[in-house]
C-alpha cells in the first residue's frame, strides 16, 4: 500500500510539474508574442499586459494595469466597446467580437485599432493591431466613390449596370433615372417595382434585344434607339449605348451603359 501511495505521489508531482511548465510556457508566449494582448476581468479591467500592448499603445505597464480598457479608446467609440463586453458576458466561452475603434495615445494621437475581443473563463482576452493605414485607405476610397457617384448622378442621362436577361434586371441605376423615366433608382434595381423591359415600348422590345445580343456576341459596344414609356405614361425616344462585362472564359456577366433622351443628345 505504501508503495502504491508513493507511486501516486510521484505521479501527482510529475503532473503538477508538467502543468507548471505548460503555464510557464503560456505566460512566456503571452509576454513575447508579436501581438498587442491584454487579459481583462469580467468588468473589462486590465489584469495583464504584454510588451506588444505597451509598444502599440505607448503606455508603460504601470499606467495600464488594473485600469478599464475602455479608457484607452476614443470617448465616441467606448459605447461600442461596452456593448461588445455586455454581449459576450452572456455568450459561451470562446465567443468573440471584431471591432474597429480609435485608440488614444499618450501623445494625443488618435490611431485606428483592429480590436478582437474573446470571451474566456476568467473574463476576456483582447488583441489589438494598428489599422490606421488601412482605415485611411478605406476612407479615401469611399470619398472617391462618393465623388464619382455625385458626378454620375449629375449627368443628364441614366447610367446603369444590368443582367443580360429579358427583363434587363438592373443591378445599378444612377439618379438620372428619375429625369429620364420618372422612376427612382430603387424602384428599378433588382426589378423591385418595375422591370426595365416593361418600360420599353412593346413594338421596340425585340429590336432592342437583338441589337444588344449582336453586340455581346461580337464583344463590341452596341447602340440602339427605342421608345420608352415613362412613369406618367409619356412616350420618350431614347438613345442607349452599352457594352458587355465578360468573364475570362467569355461568359457575359452583365451589361453597363447609358441611356439618354434623344432630344438632349442632339
C-alpha atoms as a PDB file:
ATOM      1  CA  UNK A   1       0.000   0.000   0.000  1.00  0.00           C
ATOM      2  CA  UNK A   2       2.853   2.365   0.879  1.00  0.00           C
ATOM      3  CA  UNK A   3       4.473   1.648  -2.482  1.00  0.00           C
ATOM      4  CA  UNK A   4       1.188   2.419  -4.251  1.00  0.00           C
ATOM      5  CA  UNK A   5       0.800   5.735  -2.388  1.00  0.00           C
ATOM      6  CA  UNK A   6       4.406   6.639  -3.131  1.00  0.00           C
ATOM      7  CA  UNK A   7       3.834   5.833  -6.789  1.00  0.00           C
ATOM      8  CA  UNK A   8       0.694   8.017  -6.836  1.00  0.00           C
ATOM      9  CA  UNK A   9       2.536  10.862  -5.122  1.00  0.00           C
ATOM     10  CA  UNK A  10       5.244  10.701  -7.764  1.00  0.00           C
ATOM     11  CA  UNK A  11       2.557  10.766 -10.454  1.00  0.00           C
ATOM     12  CA  UNK A  12       0.921  13.849  -8.940  1.00  0.00           C
ATOM     13  CA  UNK A  13       4.291  15.564  -8.664  1.00  0.00           C
ATOM     14  CA  UNK A  14       5.057  14.868 -12.327  1.00  0.00           C
ATOM     15  CA  UNK A  15       1.595  16.100 -13.341  1.00  0.00           C
ATOM     16  CA  UNK A  16       1.992  19.272 -11.279  1.00  0.00           C
ATOM     17  CA  UNK A  17       5.433  19.821 -12.785  1.00  0.00           C
ATOM     18  CA  UNK A  18       4.025  19.350 -16.291  1.00  0.00           C
ATOM     19  CA  UNK A  19       1.187  21.808 -15.663  1.00  0.00           C
ATOM     20  CA  UNK A  20       3.679  24.245 -14.200  1.00  0.00           C
ATOM     21  CA  UNK A  21       5.853  24.055 -17.315  1.00  0.00           C
ATOM     22  CA  UNK A  22       2.814  24.449 -19.580  1.00  0.00           C
ATOM     23  CA  UNK A  23       1.599  27.503 -17.639  1.00  0.00           C
ATOM     24  CA  UNK A  24       5.083  28.990 -17.676  1.00  0.00           C
ATOM     25  CA  UNK A  25       5.287  28.471 -21.435  1.00  0.00           C
ATOM     26  CA  UNK A  26       1.835  30.028 -21.930  1.00  0.00           C
ATOM     27  CA  UNK A  27       2.815  33.034 -19.831  1.00  0.00           C
ATOM     28  CA  UNK A  28       6.047  33.393 -21.775  1.00  0.00           C
ATOM     29  CA  UNK A  29       4.166  33.139 -25.078  1.00  0.00           C
ATOM     30  CA  UNK A  30       1.688  35.780 -23.887  1.00  0.00           C
ATOM     31  CA  UNK A  31       4.510  38.105 -22.937  1.00  0.00           C
ATOM     32  CA  UNK A  32       6.568  37.813 -26.106  1.00  0.00           C
ATOM     33  CA  UNK A  33       4.056  37.084 -28.863  1.00  0.00           C
ATOM     34  CA  UNK A  34       4.345  39.754 -31.610  1.00  0.00           C
ATOM     35  CA  UNK A  35       0.814  40.925 -30.808  1.00  0.00           C
ATOM     36  CA  UNK A  36      -0.648  43.559 -28.520  1.00  0.00           C
ATOM     37  CA  UNK A  37      -2.502  41.468 -25.931  1.00  0.00           C
ATOM     38  CA  UNK A  38      -4.316  42.184 -22.686  1.00  0.00           C
ATOM     39  CA  UNK A  39      -6.189  39.932 -20.288  1.00  0.00           C
ATOM     40  CA  UNK A  40      -9.295  41.550 -18.788  1.00  0.00           C
ATOM     41  CA  UNK A  41     -11.599  40.642 -15.940  1.00  0.00           C
ATOM     42  CA  UNK A  42     -15.366  40.334 -16.449  1.00  0.00           C
ATOM     43  CA  UNK A  43     -15.757  44.101 -15.993  1.00  0.00           C
ATOM     44  CA  UNK A  44     -13.192  44.897 -18.685  1.00  0.00           C
ATOM     45  CA  UNK A  45     -10.402  45.962 -16.303  1.00  0.00           C
ATOM     46  CA  UNK A  46      -6.872  45.044 -17.397  1.00  0.00           C
ATOM     47  CA  UNK A  47      -5.304  42.199 -15.386  1.00  0.00           C
ATOM     48  CA  UNK A  48      -2.252  41.500 -17.560  1.00  0.00           C
ATOM     49  CA  UNK A  49      -0.476  43.241 -20.437  1.00  0.00           C
ATOM     50  CA  UNK A  50       2.263  42.065 -22.743  1.00  0.00           C
ATOM     51  CA  UNK A  51       5.138  44.007 -24.292  1.00  0.00           C
ATOM     52  CA  UNK A  52       3.293  44.225 -27.609  1.00  0.00           C
ATOM     53  CA  UNK A  53       0.482  46.155 -25.922  1.00  0.00           C
ATOM     54  CA  UNK A  54       2.930  48.604 -24.336  1.00  0.00           C
ATOM     55  CA  UNK A  55       4.694  49.174 -27.673  1.00  0.00           C
ATOM     56  CA  UNK A  56       1.491  49.673 -29.676  1.00  0.00           C
ATOM     57  CA  UNK A  57      -0.409  51.820 -27.181  1.00  0.00           C
ATOM     58  CA  UNK A  58       2.625  53.749 -25.928  1.00  0.00           C
ATOM     59  CA  UNK A  59       1.782  53.372 -22.231  1.00  0.00           C
ATOM     60  CA  UNK A  60       4.075  51.663 -19.701  1.00  0.00           C
ATOM     61  CA  UNK A  61       2.788  48.641 -17.814  1.00  0.00           C
ATOM     62  CA  UNK A  62       2.088  50.610 -14.628  1.00  0.00           C
ATOM     63  CA  UNK A  63      -0.237  53.017 -16.492  1.00  0.00           C
ATOM     64  CA  UNK A  64      -2.320  50.220 -17.941  1.00  0.00           C
ATOM     65  CA  UNK A  65      -2.645  47.539 -15.311  1.00  0.00           C
ATOM     66  CA  UNK A  66      -5.978  47.395 -13.432  1.00  0.00           C
ATOM     67  CA  UNK A  67      -7.454  50.255 -15.466  1.00  0.00           C
ATOM     68  CA  UNK A  68     -10.616  49.845 -17.507  1.00  0.00           C
ATOM     69  CA  UNK A  69      -9.559  49.165 -21.090  1.00  0.00           C
ATOM     70  CA  UNK A  70     -12.388  51.429 -22.258  1.00  0.00           C
ATOM     71  CA  UNK A  71     -10.309  54.403 -21.109  1.00  0.00           C
ATOM     72  CA  UNK A  72      -7.789  53.762 -23.888  1.00  0.00           C
ATOM     73  CA  UNK A  73     -10.419  54.201 -26.609  1.00  0.00           C
ATOM     74  CA  UNK A  74     -11.913  57.385 -28.040  1.00  0.00           C
ATOM     75  CA  UNK A  75     -14.960  58.503 -25.979  1.00  0.00           C
ATOM     76  CA  UNK A  76     -17.219  58.204 -29.035  1.00  0.00           C
ATOM     77  CA  UNK A  77     -16.156  54.569 -29.517  1.00  0.00           C
ATOM     78  CA  UNK A  78     -16.490  53.442 -25.901  1.00  0.00           C
ATOM     79  CA  UNK A  79     -20.227  52.614 -26.134  1.00  0.00           C
ATOM     80  CA  UNK A  80     -19.453  50.077 -28.896  1.00  0.00           C
ATOM     81  CA  UNK A  81     -16.726  48.538 -26.734  1.00  0.00           C
ATOM     82  CA  UNK A  82     -19.027  48.327 -23.714  1.00  0.00           C
ATOM     83  CA  UNK A  83     -21.786  46.826 -25.857  1.00  0.00           C
ATOM     84  CA  UNK A  84     -19.404  44.102 -27.088  1.00  0.00           C
ATOM     85  CA  UNK A  85     -18.386  43.292 -23.495  1.00  0.00           C
ATOM     86  CA  UNK A  86     -22.020  43.149 -22.402  1.00  0.00           C
ATOM     87  CA  UNK A  87     -22.996  40.821 -25.242  1.00  0.00           C
ATOM     88  CA  UNK A  88     -20.062  38.465 -24.686  1.00  0.00           C
ATOM     89  CA  UNK A  89     -20.748  38.126 -20.959  1.00  0.00           C
ATOM     90  CA  UNK A  90     -23.936  36.211 -21.760  1.00  0.00           C
ATOM     91  CA  UNK A  91     -22.366  34.103 -24.529  1.00  0.00           C
ATOM     92  CA  UNK A  92     -20.360  30.836 -24.328  1.00  0.00           C
ATOM     93  CA  UNK A  93     -16.631  30.867 -23.640  1.00  0.00           C
ATOM     94  CA  UNK A  94     -14.711  31.268 -26.883  1.00  0.00           C
ATOM     95  CA  UNK A  95     -17.229  33.703 -28.391  1.00  0.00           C
ATOM     96  CA  UNK A  96     -15.638  36.803 -29.882  1.00  0.00           C
ATOM     97  CA  UNK A  97     -16.233  40.217 -31.458  1.00  0.00           C
ATOM     98  CA  UNK A  98     -14.297  42.103 -34.119  1.00  0.00           C
ATOM     99  CA  UNK A  99     -14.282  45.911 -33.896  1.00  0.00           C
ATOM    100  CA  UNK A 100     -12.503  48.921 -35.363  1.00  0.00           C
ATOM    101  CA  UNK A 101     -12.011  51.553 -32.663  1.00  0.00           C
ATOM    102  CA  UNK A 102      -9.890  54.659 -32.231  1.00  0.00           C
ATOM    103  CA  UNK A 103      -7.144  54.379 -29.650  1.00  0.00           C
ATOM    104  CA  UNK A 104      -5.922  57.332 -27.569  1.00  0.00           C
ATOM    105  CA  UNK A 105      -2.122  57.528 -27.428  1.00  0.00           C
ATOM    106  CA  UNK A 106      -0.100  59.418 -24.748  1.00  0.00           C
ATOM    107  CA  UNK A 107       0.952  61.944 -27.416  1.00  0.00           C
ATOM    108  CA  UNK A 108      -2.690  62.780 -28.126  1.00  0.00           C
ATOM    109  CA  UNK A 109      -2.532  60.950 -31.452  1.00  0.00           C
ATOM    110  CA  UNK A 110      -5.656  59.035 -32.437  1.00  0.00           C
ATOM    111  CA  UNK A 111      -4.845  55.712 -34.031  1.00  0.00           C
ATOM    112  CA  UNK A 112      -7.324  53.284 -35.587  1.00  0.00           C
ATOM    113  CA  UNK A 113      -7.121  49.852 -33.982  1.00  0.00           C
ATOM    114  CA  UNK A 114      -8.276  46.451 -35.170  1.00  0.00           C
ATOM    115  CA  UNK A 115      -9.757  45.009 -31.981  1.00  0.00           C
ATOM    116  CA  UNK A 116     -10.501  41.316 -31.417  1.00  0.00           C
ATOM    117  CA  UNK A 117     -12.242  40.578 -28.134  1.00  0.00           C
ATOM    118  CA  UNK A 118     -12.636  36.982 -26.967  1.00  0.00           C
ATOM    119  CA  UNK A 119     -14.561  35.562 -24.005  1.00  0.00           C
ATOM    120  CA  UNK A 120     -12.551  33.250 -21.741  1.00  0.00           C
ATOM    121  CA  UNK A 121     -13.231  31.592 -18.355  1.00  0.00           C
ATOM    122  CA  UNK A 122     -11.659  34.440 -16.339  1.00  0.00           C
ATOM    123  CA  UNK A 123     -13.078  37.317 -18.367  1.00  0.00           C
ATOM    124  CA  UNK A 124     -11.755  38.425 -21.750  1.00  0.00           C
ATOM    125  CA  UNK A 125      -8.672  38.395 -23.941  1.00  0.00           C
ATOM    126  CA  UNK A 126      -8.218  41.347 -26.294  1.00  0.00           C
ATOM    127  CA  UNK A 127      -5.754  41.670 -29.163  1.00  0.00           C
ATOM    128  CA  UNK A 128      -5.005  44.978 -30.864  1.00  0.00           C
ATOM    129  CA  UNK A 129      -3.411  45.823 -34.184  1.00  0.00           C
ATOM    130  CA  UNK A 130      -2.689  49.174 -35.825  1.00  0.00           C
ATOM    131  CA  UNK A 131      -5.254  49.618 -38.631  1.00  0.00           C
ATOM    132  CA  UNK A 132      -4.704  53.346 -39.243  1.00  0.00           C
ATOM    133  CA  UNK A 133      -3.256  52.936 -42.733  1.00  0.00           C
ATOM    134  CA  UNK A 134      -5.991  50.529 -43.860  1.00  0.00           C
ATOM    135  CA  UNK A 135      -8.790  52.708 -42.454  1.00  0.00           C
ATOM    136  CA  UNK A 136      -7.390  55.830 -44.118  1.00  0.00           C
ATOM    137  CA  UNK A 137      -7.203  53.951 -47.412  1.00  0.00           C
ATOM    138  CA  UNK A 138     -10.819  52.829 -46.989  1.00  0.00           C
ATOM    139  CA  UNK A 139     -11.886  56.400 -46.204  1.00  0.00           C
ATOM    140  CA  UNK A 140     -10.071  57.772 -49.257  1.00  0.00           C
ATOM    141  CA  UNK A 141     -11.613  55.095 -51.460  1.00  0.00           C
ATOM    142  CA  UNK A 142     -15.079  55.854 -50.065  1.00  0.00           C
ATOM    143  CA  UNK A 143     -14.517  59.575 -50.726  1.00  0.00           C
ATOM    144  CA  UNK A 144     -13.520  58.852 -54.337  1.00  0.00           C
ATOM    145  CA  UNK A 145     -16.615  56.682 -54.753  1.00  0.00           C
ATOM    146  CA  UNK A 146     -18.797  59.491 -53.392  1.00  0.00           C
ATOM    147  CA  UNK A 147     -17.194  61.985 -55.780  1.00  0.00           C
ATOM    148  CA  UNK A 148     -17.682  59.644 -58.726  1.00  0.00           C
ATOM    149  CA  UNK A 149     -21.271  58.937 -57.692  1.00  0.00           C
ATOM    150  CA  UNK A 150     -22.007  62.663 -57.407  1.00  0.00           C
ATOM    151  CA  UNK A 151     -20.508  63.191 -60.857  1.00  0.00           C
ATOM    152  CA  UNK A 152     -22.511  60.323 -62.386  1.00  0.00           C
ATOM    153  CA  UNK A 153     -25.743  61.357 -60.667  1.00  0.00           C
ATOM    154  CA  UNK A 154     -25.319  64.876 -62.048  1.00  0.00           C
ATOM    155  CA  UNK A 155     -25.193  63.719 -65.673  1.00  0.00           C
ATOM    156  CA  UNK A 156     -28.356  64.301 -67.780  1.00  0.00           C
ATOM    157  CA  UNK A 157     -28.709  60.584 -68.515  1.00  0.00           C
ATOM    158  CA  UNK A 158     -29.251  57.232 -66.819  1.00  0.00           C
ATOM    159  CA  UNK A 159     -26.094  55.228 -66.149  1.00  0.00           C
ATOM    160  CA  UNK A 160     -26.793  51.564 -65.495  1.00  0.00           C
ATOM    161  CA  UNK A 161     -25.450  48.078 -64.977  1.00  0.00           C
ATOM    162  CA  UNK A 162     -27.819  45.191 -65.655  1.00  0.00           C
ATOM    163  CA  UNK A 163     -28.007  41.451 -66.247  1.00  0.00           C
ATOM    164  CA  UNK A 164     -28.380  40.026 -69.708  1.00  0.00           C
ATOM    165  CA  UNK A 165     -31.905  38.691 -69.407  1.00  0.00           C
ATOM    166  CA  UNK A 166     -35.248  39.541 -70.972  1.00  0.00           C
ATOM    167  CA  UNK A 167     -36.180  41.768 -68.039  1.00  0.00           C
ATOM    168  CA  UNK A 168     -32.846  43.661 -68.172  1.00  0.00           C
ATOM    169  CA  UNK A 169     -32.694  43.239 -64.389  1.00  0.00           C
ATOM    170  CA  UNK A 170     -30.913  46.327 -63.066  1.00  0.00           C
ATOM    171  CA  UNK A 171     -28.043  45.994 -60.580  1.00  0.00           C
ATOM    172  CA  UNK A 172     -27.170  49.698 -60.518  1.00  0.00           C
ATOM    173  CA  UNK A 173     -29.087  52.755 -61.722  1.00  0.00           C
ATOM    174  CA  UNK A 174     -27.967  56.384 -61.384  1.00  0.00           C
ATOM    175  CA  UNK A 175     -30.164  59.253 -60.213  1.00  0.00           C
ATOM    176  CA  UNK A 176     -30.565  60.236 -63.871  1.00  0.00           C
ATOM    177  CA  UNK A 177     -33.309  57.585 -63.999  1.00  0.00           C
ATOM    178  CA  UNK A 178     -35.708  59.994 -62.288  1.00  0.00           C
ATOM    179  CA  UNK A 179     -35.432  62.636 -65.019  1.00  0.00           C
ATOM    180  CA  UNK A 180     -35.413  60.051 -67.808  1.00  0.00           C
ATOM    181  CA  UNK A 181     -38.145  57.642 -66.693  1.00  0.00           C
ATOM    182  CA  UNK A 182     -39.894  59.196 -63.699  1.00  0.00           C
ATOM    183  CA  UNK A 183     -38.911  56.202 -61.533  1.00  0.00           C
ATOM    184  CA  UNK A 184     -36.479  56.246 -58.613  1.00  0.00           C
ATOM    185  CA  UNK A 185     -33.353  54.045 -58.885  1.00  0.00           C
ATOM    186  CA  UNK A 186     -34.539  51.854 -56.000  1.00  0.00           C
ATOM    187  CA  UNK A 187     -37.763  51.128 -57.911  1.00  0.00           C
ATOM    188  CA  UNK A 188     -35.758  49.786 -60.849  1.00  0.00           C
ATOM    189  CA  UNK A 189     -32.861  47.980 -59.135  1.00  0.00           C
ATOM    190  CA  UNK A 190     -33.492  44.210 -58.933  1.00  0.00           C
ATOM    191  CA  UNK A 191     -36.902  44.890 -60.535  1.00  0.00           C
ATOM    192  CA  UNK A 192     -38.249  45.838 -57.080  1.00  0.00           C
ATOM    193  CA  UNK A 193     -41.305  47.572 -58.524  1.00  0.00           C
ATOM    194  CA  UNK A 194     -40.702  47.870 -62.253  1.00  0.00           C
ATOM    195  CA  UNK A 195     -38.877  45.643 -64.747  1.00  0.00           C
ATOM    196  CA  UNK A 196     -36.975  47.729 -67.264  1.00  0.00           C
ATOM    197  CA  UNK A 197     -38.275  45.707 -70.201  1.00  0.00           C
ATOM    198  CA  UNK A 198     -41.810  46.828 -69.289  1.00  0.00           C
ATOM    199  CA  UNK A 199     -40.723  50.432 -69.921  1.00  0.00           C
ATOM    200  CA  UNK A 200     -39.652  49.651 -73.490  1.00  0.00           C
ATOM    201  CA  UNK A 201     -42.474  50.200 -75.979  1.00  0.00           C
ATOM    202  CA  UNK A 202     -43.767  46.701 -76.920  1.00  0.00           C
ATOM    203  CA  UNK A 203     -43.122  47.146 -80.653  1.00  0.00           C
ATOM    204  CA  UNK A 204     -39.460  48.006 -79.911  1.00  0.00           C
ATOM    205  CA  UNK A 205     -38.622  45.270 -77.397  1.00  0.00           C
ATOM    206  CA  UNK A 206     -37.439  42.639 -79.881  1.00  0.00           C
ATOM    207  CA  UNK A 207     -35.297  45.121 -81.820  1.00  0.00           C
ATOM    208  CA  UNK A 208     -33.594  46.210 -78.592  1.00  0.00           C
ATOM    209  CA  UNK A 209     -32.937  42.603 -77.577  1.00  0.00           C
ATOM    210  CA  UNK A 210     -31.453  41.752 -80.983  1.00  0.00           C
ATOM    211  CA  UNK A 211     -29.199  44.839 -81.112  1.00  0.00           C
ATOM    212  CA  UNK A 212     -27.787  44.114 -77.665  1.00  0.00           C
ATOM    213  CA  UNK A 213     -27.226  40.395 -78.325  1.00  0.00           C
ATOM    214  CA  UNK A 214     -25.403  41.101 -81.593  1.00  0.00           C
ATOM    215  CA  UNK A 215     -23.035  43.454 -79.765  1.00  0.00           C
ATOM    216  CA  UNK A 216     -22.449  40.944 -76.963  1.00  0.00           C
ATOM    217  CA  UNK A 217     -21.835  38.045 -79.339  1.00  0.00           C
ATOM    218  CA  UNK A 218     -19.271  40.107 -81.240  1.00  0.00           C
ATOM    219  CA  UNK A 219     -17.886  41.559 -77.995  1.00  0.00           C
ATOM    220  CA  UNK A 220     -18.423  45.053 -79.379  1.00  0.00           C
ATOM    221  CA  UNK A 221     -20.220  48.123 -77.980  1.00  0.00           C
ATOM    222  CA  UNK A 222     -23.827  48.480 -79.119  1.00  0.00           C
ATOM    223  CA  UNK A 223     -26.105  51.442 -79.864  1.00  0.00           C
ATOM    224  CA  UNK A 224     -29.870  51.410 -80.236  1.00  0.00           C
ATOM    225  CA  UNK A 225     -32.749  53.902 -80.303  1.00  0.00           C
ATOM    226  CA  UNK A 226     -36.194  52.993 -78.989  1.00  0.00           C
ATOM    227  CA  UNK A 227     -39.284  54.387 -77.326  1.00  0.00           C
ATOM    228  CA  UNK A 228     -39.519  54.420 -73.554  1.00  0.00           C
ATOM    229  CA  UNK A 229     -42.760  54.514 -71.556  1.00  0.00           C
ATOM    230  CA  UNK A 230     -42.274  56.944 -68.658  1.00  0.00           C
ATOM    231  CA  UNK A 231     -43.946  56.750 -65.248  1.00  0.00           C
ATOM    232  CA  UNK A 232     -46.529  59.339 -66.353  1.00  0.00           C
ATOM    233  CA  UNK A 233     -47.354  57.315 -69.481  1.00  0.00           C
ATOM    234  CA  UNK A 234     -45.491  59.668 -71.809  1.00  0.00           C
ATOM    235  CA  UNK A 235     -43.519  58.116 -74.695  1.00  0.00           C
ATOM    236  CA  UNK A 236     -39.936  59.257 -74.965  1.00  0.00           C
ATOM    237  CA  UNK A 237     -37.456  58.315 -77.693  1.00  0.00           C
ATOM    238  CA  UNK A 238     -34.128  57.405 -76.111  1.00  0.00           C
ATOM    239  CA  UNK A 239     -30.628  56.545 -77.266  1.00  0.00           C
ATOM    240  CA  UNK A 240     -28.758  53.744 -75.498  1.00  0.00           C
ATOM    241  CA  UNK A 241     -25.071  52.866 -75.681  1.00  0.00           C
ATOM    242  CA  UNK A 242     -23.535  49.991 -73.808  1.00  0.00           C
ATOM    243  CA  UNK A 243     -21.121  47.089 -73.736  1.00  0.00           C
ATOM    244  CA  UNK A 244     -20.805  43.715 -72.093  1.00  0.00           C
ATOM    245  CA  UNK A 245     -18.940  42.744 -68.938  1.00  0.00           C
ATOM    246  CA  UNK A 246     -17.172  39.436 -69.612  1.00  0.00           C
ATOM    247  CA  UNK A 247     -15.552  36.704 -67.544  1.00  0.00           C
ATOM    248  CA  UNK A 248     -12.163  35.306 -68.570  1.00  0.00           C
ATOM    249  CA  UNK A 249     -13.932  32.423 -70.309  1.00  0.00           C
ATOM    250  CA  UNK A 250     -16.039  34.837 -72.371  1.00  0.00           C
ATOM    251  CA  UNK A 251     -19.234  34.402 -70.367  1.00  0.00           C
ATOM    252  CA  UNK A 252     -21.385  37.548 -70.247  1.00  0.00           C
ATOM    253  CA  UNK A 253     -21.561  38.666 -66.614  1.00  0.00           C
ATOM    254  CA  UNK A 254     -23.660  41.747 -67.292  1.00  0.00           C
ATOM    255  CA  UNK A 255     -24.068  44.926 -69.299  1.00  0.00           C
ATOM    256  CA  UNK A 256     -23.204  48.514 -68.474  1.00  0.00           C
ATOM    257  CA  UNK A 257     -24.025  51.651 -70.361  1.00  0.00           C
ATOM    258  CA  UNK A 258     -26.034  54.866 -70.567  1.00  0.00           C
ATOM    259  CA  UNK A 259     -29.486  55.869 -71.782  1.00  0.00           C
ATOM    260  CA  UNK A 260     -30.470  59.439 -72.644  1.00  0.00           C
ATOM    261  CA  UNK A 261     -33.334  61.357 -74.189  1.00  0.00           C
ATOM    262  CA  UNK A 262     -32.711  61.739 -77.926  1.00  0.00           C
ATOM    263  CA  UNK A 263     -33.735  65.405 -77.680  1.00  0.00           C
ATOM    264  CA  UNK A 264     -30.930  66.007 -75.175  1.00  0.00           C
ATOM    265  CA  UNK A 265     -28.364  64.203 -77.318  1.00  0.00           C
ATOM    266  CA  UNK A 266     -28.976  66.491 -80.275  1.00  0.00           C
END
